[in-house]
Amino acid sequence: MAKRARQVKSSNRSNFKVSNELLAGLLVLAIAISFFDIFAGVGTELTGYSTVENNASAAVTITSVTSINWTTASIDWGSGAVTAPGPAVLDSEAGTTSLGTWTANGTILQLENIGGDDVVLNMTSNSTAGQFIGGSSPTFKWKFAQGEGTSCTSIQDTSYTAVSDGTGKQICAVFYANDTNDLLNMSIELTIPADATSGAKSATITATGVA
């Protein structure tokens, strides 16, 4: 009888041991769930399903665009003649004509960087003063000024200077593409001597932007 009692006690201890192991396992599970809740956030529901993420995406490629445009592209003084003693001087910045019968013209040529790139701006003419006007000591000059803000860095020829023909001349170290800071003004001054040859005359100034 005493032996059976010892066996029952031994069995109870064995059952108690198993119960402790089971509780230990549940404790570990509870700790694991607690960590999961911390990282997953409040209100996360645990299920037996795996999680699959489907992600949307958007992509765009922007190409480089270099483009400059004369928004005001020509000055036309029309017909006229030199009055004594000459020479006549036509100045588009001042909007004046002296010693000549040409109509005064205050047009300012305006160049805009309409592309997406800042550029180095060069200017060149297809004619010298002699080729354009002719006669004794004619002059053909340009003058540059900011059109808005500081559109042109290291701007050149801010007073009347003989136009550059052939290889051209750098006018802006940087001509900006910013929509609120991308305009350059150019004025023209002509000196027409009394012995200039008659006839319709024109010259073309080309602006080149290099990104």
C-alpha atoms as a PDB file:
ATOM      1  CA  MET A   1       0.000   0.000   0.000  1.00  0.00           C
ATOM      2  CA  ALA A   2       2.828   2.323   0.898  1.00  0.00           C
ATOM      3  CA  LYS A   3       4.551   1.422  -2.382  1.00  0.00           C
ATOM      4  CA  ARG A   4       1.410   2.286  -4.361  1.00  0.00           C
ATOM      5  CA  ALA A   5       1.179   5.592  -2.529  1.00  0.00           C
ATOM      6  CA  ARG A   6       4.774   6.376  -3.513  1.00  0.00           C
ATOM      7  CA  GLN A   7       3.977   5.483  -7.130  1.00  0.00           C
ATOM      8  CA  VAL A   8       0.970   7.805  -7.108  1.00  0.00           C
ATOM      9  CA  LYS A   9       3.088  10.641  -5.714  1.00  0.00           C
ATOM     10  CA  SER A  10       5.753   9.928  -8.313  1.00  0.00           C
ATOM     11  CA  SER A  11       3.131  10.019 -11.049  1.00  0.00           C
ATOM     12  CA  ASN A  12       1.775  13.293  -9.716  1.00  0.00           C
ATOM     13  CA  ARG A  13       5.260  14.790  -9.754  1.00  0.00           C
ATOM     14  CA  SER A  14       5.679  13.600 -13.339  1.00  0.00           C
ATOM     15  CA  ASN A  15       2.355  15.153 -14.321  1.00  0.00           C
ATOM     16  CA  PHE A  16       3.304  18.351 -12.544  1.00  0.00           C
ATOM     17  CA  LYS A  17       6.609  18.452 -14.413  1.00  0.00           C
ATOM     18  CA  VAL A  18       4.881  18.103 -17.762  1.00  0.00           C
ATOM     19  CA  SER A  19       2.492  20.846 -16.780  1.00  0.00           C
ATOM     20  CA  ASN A  20       5.413  23.136 -15.930  1.00  0.00           C
ATOM     21  CA  GLU A  21       6.994  22.437 -19.334  1.00  0.00           C
ATOM     22  CA  LEU A  22       3.707  23.204 -20.997  1.00  0.00           C
ATOM     23  CA  LEU A  23       3.430  26.470 -19.098  1.00  0.00           C
ATOM     24  CA  ALA A  24       6.978  27.343 -20.047  1.00  0.00           C
ATOM     25  CA  GLY A  25       6.105  26.741 -23.693  1.00  0.00           C
ATOM     26  CA  LEU A  26       3.057  28.969 -23.412  1.00  0.00           C
ATOM     27  CA  LEU A  27       5.141  31.665 -21.771  1.00  0.00           C
ATOM     28  CA  VAL A  28       7.589  31.633 -24.667  1.00  0.00           C
ATOM     29  CA  LEU A  29       4.669  31.847 -27.084  1.00  0.00           C
ATOM     30  CA  ALA A  30       3.231  34.780 -25.175  1.00  0.00           C
ATOM     31  CA  ILE A  31       6.568  36.591 -25.294  1.00  0.00           C
ATOM     32  CA  ALA A  32       6.848  35.956 -29.024  1.00  0.00           C
ATOM     33  CA  ILE A  33       3.374  37.353 -29.604  1.00  0.00           C
ATOM     34  CA  SER A  34       4.204  40.377 -27.485  1.00  0.00           C
ATOM     35  CA  PHE A  35       7.271  41.118 -29.633  1.00  0.00           C
ATOM     36  CA  PHE A  36       5.199  40.651 -32.766  1.00  0.00           C
ATOM     37  CA  ASP A  37       2.620  43.117 -31.506  1.00  0.00           C
ATOM     38  CA  ILE A  38       5.302  45.666 -30.693  1.00  0.00           C
ATOM     39  CA  PHE A  39       6.743  45.576 -34.187  1.00  0.00           C
ATOM     40  CA  ALA A  40       3.498  45.008 -36.089  1.00  0.00           C
ATOM     41  CA  GLY A  41       1.577  47.729 -34.292  1.00  0.00           C
ATOM     42  CA  VAL A  42      -1.582  47.848 -32.239  1.00  0.00           C
ATOM     43  CA  GLY A  43      -4.557  46.040 -33.717  1.00  0.00           C
ATOM     44  CA  THR A  44      -2.556  43.533 -35.777  1.00  0.00           C
ATOM     45  CA  GLU A  45      -4.510  40.350 -36.269  1.00  0.00           C
ATOM     46  CA  LEU A  46      -2.601  37.079 -36.318  1.00  0.00           C
ATOM     47  CA  THR A  47      -3.836  34.580 -38.857  1.00  0.00           C
ATOM     48  CA  GLY A  48      -2.580  31.397 -40.359  1.00  0.00           C
ATOM     49  CA  TYR A  49      -2.215  32.994 -43.819  1.00  0.00           C
ATOM     50  CA  SER A  50       1.083  34.140 -45.290  1.00  0.00           C
ATOM     51  CA  THR A  51       1.490  37.834 -46.207  1.00  0.00           C
ATOM     52  CA  VAL A  52       2.139  38.850 -49.818  1.00  0.00           C
ATOM     53  CA  GLU A  53       2.931  42.488 -50.756  1.00  0.00           C
ATOM     54  CA  ASN A  54       1.967  43.851 -54.166  1.00  0.00           C
ATOM     55  CA  ASN A  55       3.665  47.180 -54.871  1.00  0.00           C
ATOM     56  CA  ALA A  56       2.748  49.779 -57.475  1.00  0.00           C
ATOM     57  CA  SER A  57       5.400  51.952 -59.093  1.00  0.00           C
ATOM     58  CA  ALA A  58       5.708  55.008 -61.316  1.00  0.00           C
ATOM     59  CA  ALA A  59       8.628  55.922 -63.565  1.00  0.00           C
ATOM     60  CA  VAL A  60       9.470  58.826 -65.826  1.00  0.00           C
ATOM     61  CA  THR A  61      12.497  59.831 -67.894  1.00  0.00           C
ATOM     62  CA  ILE A  62      13.165  63.523 -68.555  1.00  0.00           C
ATOM     63  CA  THR A  63      15.355  64.252 -71.540  1.00  0.00           C
ATOM     64  CA  SER A  64      17.602  67.259 -71.802  1.00  0.00           C
ATOM     65  CA  VAL A  65      16.268  70.107 -73.967  1.00  0.00           C
ATOM     66  CA  THR A  66      18.353  73.056 -75.147  1.00  0.00           C
ATOM     67  CA  SER A  67      16.403  75.786 -76.918  1.00  0.00           C
ATOM     68  CA  ILE A  68      16.642  79.572 -77.192  1.00  0.00           C
ATOM     69  CA  ASN A  69      14.277  81.831 -79.084  1.00  0.00           C
ATOM     70  CA  TRP A  70      14.055  85.447 -80.195  1.00  0.00           C
ATOM     71  CA  THR A  71      10.742  86.620 -78.758  1.00  0.00           C
ATOM     72  CA  THR A  72      11.390  90.004 -80.390  1.00  0.00           C
ATOM     73  CA  ALA A  73      13.397  89.257 -83.472  1.00  0.00           C
ATOM     74  CA  SER A  74      13.740  92.310 -85.718  1.00  0.00           C
ATOM     75  CA  ILE A  75      14.247  96.053 -85.901  1.00  0.00           C
ATOM     76  CA  ASP A  76      13.214  97.849 -89.067  1.00  0.00           C
ATOM     77  CA  TRP A  77      13.954 101.545 -89.479  1.00  0.00           C
ATOM     78  CA  GLY A  78      12.393 101.658 -92.935  1.00  0.00           C
ATOM     79  CA  SER A  79      13.606 104.130 -95.554  1.00  0.00           C
ATOM     80  CA  GLY A  80      15.544 107.296 -94.853  1.00  0.00           C
ATOM     81  CA  ALA A  81      18.496 109.440 -95.793  1.00  0.00           C
ATOM     82  CA  VAL A  82      21.417 111.094 -94.057  1.00  0.00           C
ATOM     83  CA  THR A  83      21.003 114.829 -93.439  1.00  0.00           C
ATOM     84  CA  ALA A  84      23.968 117.203 -93.531  1.00  0.00           C
ATOM     85  CA  PRO A  85      26.506 117.082 -92.197  1.00  0.00           C
ATOM     86  CA  GLY A  86      25.942 113.436 -91.234  1.00  0.00           C
ATOM     87  CA  PRO A  87      26.594 110.778 -90.270  1.00  0.00           C
ATOM     88  CA  ALA A  88      23.204 109.599 -89.091  1.00  0.00           C
ATOM     89  CA  VAL A  89      22.978 107.625 -85.846  1.00  0.00           C
ATOM     90  CA  LEU A  90      20.091 105.211 -85.227  1.00  0.00           C
ATOM     91  CA  ASP A  91      19.828 103.982 -81.617  1.00  0.00           C
ATOM     92  CA  SER A  92      17.192 101.380 -80.679  1.00  0.00           C
ATOM     93  CA  GLU A  93      17.838 101.633 -76.935  1.00  0.00           C
ATOM     94  CA  ALA A  94      17.238 105.377 -76.820  1.00  0.00           C
ATOM     95  CA  GLY A  95      14.629 105.159 -79.560  1.00  0.00           C
ATOM     96  CA  THR A  96      16.247 108.065 -81.413  1.00  0.00           C
ATOM     97  CA  THR A  97      17.506 109.018 -84.852  1.00  0.00           C
ATOM     98  CA  SER A  98      19.940 111.889 -85.329  1.00  0.00           C
ATOM     99  CA  LEU A  99      20.993 113.560 -88.616  1.00  0.00           C
ATOM    100  CA  GLY A 100      18.755 111.296 -90.634  1.00  0.00           C
ATOM    101  CA  THR A 101      15.184 111.026 -91.844  1.00  0.00           C
ATOM    102  CA  TRP A 102      14.573 107.476 -90.627  1.00  0.00           C
ATOM    103  CA  THR A 103      11.689 106.984 -88.205  1.00  0.00           C
ATOM    104  CA  ALA A 104      12.941 106.626 -84.640  1.00  0.00           C
ATOM    105  CA  ASN A 105      12.578 103.035 -83.453  1.00  0.00           C
ATOM    106  CA  GLY A 106      12.805 101.984 -79.799  1.00  0.00           C
ATOM    107  CA  THR A 107      12.524  98.233 -80.386  1.00  0.00           C
ATOM    108  CA  ILE A 108      14.586  96.088 -78.017  1.00  0.00           C
ATOM    109  CA  LEU A 109      15.462  92.656 -79.321  1.00  0.00           C
ATOM    110  CA  GLN A 110      14.743  90.018 -76.694  1.00  0.00           C
ATOM    111  CA  LEU A 111      16.134  86.522 -76.429  1.00  0.00           C
ATOM    112  CA  GLU A 112      14.593  83.863 -74.162  1.00  0.00           C
ATOM    113  CA  ASN A 113      15.958  80.537 -72.972  1.00  0.00           C
ATOM    114  CA  ILE A 114      12.869  78.370 -73.534  1.00  0.00           C
ATOM    115  CA  GLY A 115      14.606  75.026 -72.990  1.00  0.00           C
ATOM    116  CA  GLY A 116      15.298  73.081 -69.833  1.00  0.00           C
ATOM    117  CA  ASP A 117      19.072  73.602 -69.793  1.00  0.00           C
ATOM    118  CA  ASP A 118      21.217  76.519 -68.722  1.00  0.00           C
ATOM    119  CA  VAL A 119      23.509  77.381 -71.639  1.00  0.00           C
ATOM    120  CA  VAL A 120      26.637  79.260 -72.580  1.00  0.00           C
ATOM    121  CA  LEU A 121      25.381  81.970 -74.948  1.00  0.00           C
ATOM    122  CA  ASN A 122      27.343  83.079 -78.015  1.00  0.00           C
ATOM    123  CA  MET A 123      26.401  85.743 -80.573  1.00  0.00           C
ATOM    124  CA  THR A 124      27.618  86.296 -84.083  1.00  0.00           C
ATOM    125  CA  SER A 125      26.674  88.438 -87.098  1.00  0.00           C
ATOM    126  CA  ASN A 126      26.807  87.520 -90.759  1.00  0.00           C
ATOM    127  CA  SER A 127      28.042  91.018 -91.641  1.00  0.00           C
ATOM    128  CA  THR A 128      30.565  93.597 -90.548  1.00  0.00           C
ATOM    129  CA  ALA A 129      29.583  97.275 -90.478  1.00  0.00           C
ATOM    130  CA  GLY A 130      31.276  97.762 -93.855  1.00  0.00           C
ATOM    131  CA  GLN A 131      29.404  94.844 -95.408  1.00  0.00           C
ATOM    132  CA  PHE A 132      26.082  95.862 -93.864  1.00  0.00           C
ATOM    133  CA  ILE A 133      26.106  99.651 -94.373  1.00  0.00           C
ATOM    134  CA  GLY A 134      29.094 100.597 -96.498  1.00  0.00           C
ATOM    135  CA  GLY A 135      30.596 104.053 -96.975  1.00  0.00           C
ATOM    136  CA  SER A 136      33.199 105.794 -94.854  1.00  0.00           C
ATOM    137  CA  SER A 137      33.524 104.646 -91.216  1.00  0.00           C
ATOM    138  CA  PRO A 138      30.117 103.068 -90.659  1.00  0.00           C
ATOM    139  CA  THR A 139      29.427 101.348 -87.340  1.00  0.00           C
ATOM    140  CA  PHE A 140      27.209  98.407 -86.424  1.00  0.00           C
ATOM    141  CA  LYS A 141      27.032  97.878 -82.663  1.00  0.00           C
ATOM    142  CA  TRP A 142      25.123  95.824 -80.125  1.00  0.00           C
ATOM    143  CA  LYS A 143      24.496  96.242 -76.428  1.00  0.00           C
ATOM    144  CA  PHE A 144      23.193  93.681 -73.913  1.00  0.00           C
ATOM    145  CA  ALA A 145      21.223  94.010 -70.674  1.00  0.00           C
ATOM    146  CA  GLN A 146      19.415  91.682 -68.295  1.00  0.00           C
ATOM    147  CA  GLY A 147      15.843  91.081 -69.440  1.00  0.00           C
ATOM    148  CA  GLU A 148      14.709  89.944 -65.984  1.00  0.00           C
ATOM    149  CA  GLY A 149      16.633  89.332 -62.767  1.00  0.00           C
ATOM    150  CA  THR A 150      20.109  88.004 -63.454  1.00  0.00           C
ATOM    151  CA  SER A 151      19.373  85.850 -66.463  1.00  0.00           C
ATOM    152  CA  CYS A 152      22.910  86.164 -67.832  1.00  0.00           C
ATOM    153  CA  THR A 153      26.020  85.686 -65.700  1.00  0.00           C
ATOM    154  CA  SER A 154      29.307  87.380 -66.655  1.00  0.00           C
ATOM    155  CA  ILE A 155      27.363  89.426 -69.196  1.00  0.00           C
ATOM    156  CA  GLN A 156      29.507  91.068 -71.890  1.00  0.00           C
ATOM    157  CA  ASP A 157      29.136  94.201 -74.040  1.00  0.00           C
ATOM    158  CA  THR A 158      26.889  96.155 -71.681  1.00  0.00           C
ATOM    159  CA  SER A 159      27.773  99.315 -73.607  1.00  0.00           C
ATOM    160  CA  TYR A 160      27.636  99.651 -77.383  1.00  0.00           C
ATOM    161  CA  THR A 161      30.317  97.430 -78.919  1.00  0.00           C
ATOM    162  CA  ALA A 162      31.061  96.469 -82.518  1.00  0.00           C
ATOM    163  CA  VAL A 163      29.222  93.276 -83.403  1.00  0.00           C
ATOM    164  CA  SER A 164      31.278  90.128 -83.686  1.00  0.00           C
ATOM    165  CA  ASP A 165      31.250  88.430 -87.057  1.00  0.00           C
ATOM    166  CA  GLY A 166      32.625  85.090 -88.145  1.00  0.00           C
ATOM    167  CA  THR A 167      33.565  83.101 -85.034  1.00  0.00           C
ATOM    168  CA  GLY A 168      31.209  84.975 -82.712  1.00  0.00           C
ATOM    169  CA  LYS A 169      31.547  86.047 -79.104  1.00  0.00           C
ATOM    170  CA  GLN A 170      30.497  84.677 -75.724  1.00  0.00           C
ATOM    171  CA  ILE A 171      27.914  86.999 -74.177  1.00  0.00           C
ATOM    172  CA  CYS A 172      26.728  84.944 -71.163  1.00  0.00           C
ATOM    173  CA  ALA A 173      28.821  82.446 -69.233  1.00  0.00           C
ATOM    174  CA  VAL A 174      25.458  81.055 -68.079  1.00  0.00           C
ATOM    175  CA  PHE A 175      22.125  81.927 -69.677  1.00  0.00           C
ATOM    176  CA  TYR A 176      19.552  80.535 -67.275  1.00  0.00           C
ATOM    177  CA  ALA A 177      16.510  78.427 -68.193  1.00  0.00           C
ATOM    178  CA  ASN A 178      14.460  79.373 -65.123  1.00  0.00           C
ATOM    179  CA  ASP A 179      11.069  80.685 -66.314  1.00  0.00           C
ATOM    180  CA  THR A 180      11.328  83.800 -64.153  1.00  0.00           C
ATOM    181  CA  ASN A 181      14.967  84.451 -64.956  1.00  0.00           C
ATOM    182  CA  ASP A 182      15.600  83.645 -68.644  1.00  0.00           C
ATOM    183  CA  LEU A 183      15.476  86.827 -70.748  1.00  0.00           C
ATOM    184  CA  LEU A 184      18.250  88.865 -72.367  1.00  0.00           C
ATOM    185  CA  ASN A 185      17.782  92.254 -74.068  1.00  0.00           C
ATOM    186  CA  MET A 186      19.826  93.468 -77.033  1.00  0.00           C
ATOM    187  CA  SER A 187      19.867  96.975 -78.491  1.00  0.00           C
ATOM    188  CA  ILE A 188      21.359  98.017 -81.839  1.00  0.00           C
ATOM    189  CA  GLU A 189      23.111 101.225 -82.868  1.00  0.00           C
ATOM    190  CA  LEU A 190      23.961 102.079 -86.472  1.00  0.00           C
ATOM    191  CA  THR A 191      26.153 104.882 -87.756  1.00  0.00           C
ATOM    192  CA  ILE A 192      25.358 105.612 -91.402  1.00  0.00           C
ATOM    193  CA  PRO A 193      27.798 107.889 -93.276  1.00  0.00           C
ATOM    194  CA  ALA A 194      26.652 110.281 -95.971  1.00  0.00           C
ATOM    195  CA  ASP A 195      28.423 108.256 -98.654  1.00  0.00           C
ATOM    196  CA  ALA A 196      26.798 104.907 -97.701  1.00  0.00           C
ATOM    197  CA  THR A 197      25.549 103.097-100.777  1.00  0.00           C
ATOM    198  CA  SER A 198      21.797 103.267-101.327  1.00  0.00           C
ATOM    199  CA  GLY A 199      19.443 100.306-101.275  1.00  0.00           C
ATOM    200  CA  ALA A 200      17.738  97.934 -98.802  1.00  0.00           C
ATOM    201  CA  LYS A 201      20.203  96.567 -96.290  1.00  0.00           C
ATOM    202  CA  SER A 202      19.964  93.865 -93.642  1.00  0.00           C
ATOM    203  CA  ALA A 203      22.130  91.868 -91.277  1.00  0.00           C
ATOM    204  CA  THR A 204      21.424  88.674 -89.351  1.00  0.00           C
ATOM    205  CA  ILE A 205      22.555  88.095 -85.762  1.00  0.00           C
ATOM    206  CA  THR A 206      22.625  84.469 -84.632  1.00  0.00           C
ATOM    207  CA  ALA A 207      22.381  83.372 -81.010  1.00  0.00           C
ATOM    208  CA  THR A 208      23.832  79.974 -80.127  1.00  0.00           C
ATOM    209  CA  GLY A 209      23.297  78.210 -76.794  1.00  0.00           C
ATOM    210  CA  VAL A 210      25.629  75.413 -75.723  1.00  0.00           C
ATOM    211  CA  ALA A 211      24.600  73.270 -72.726  1.00  0.00           C
END
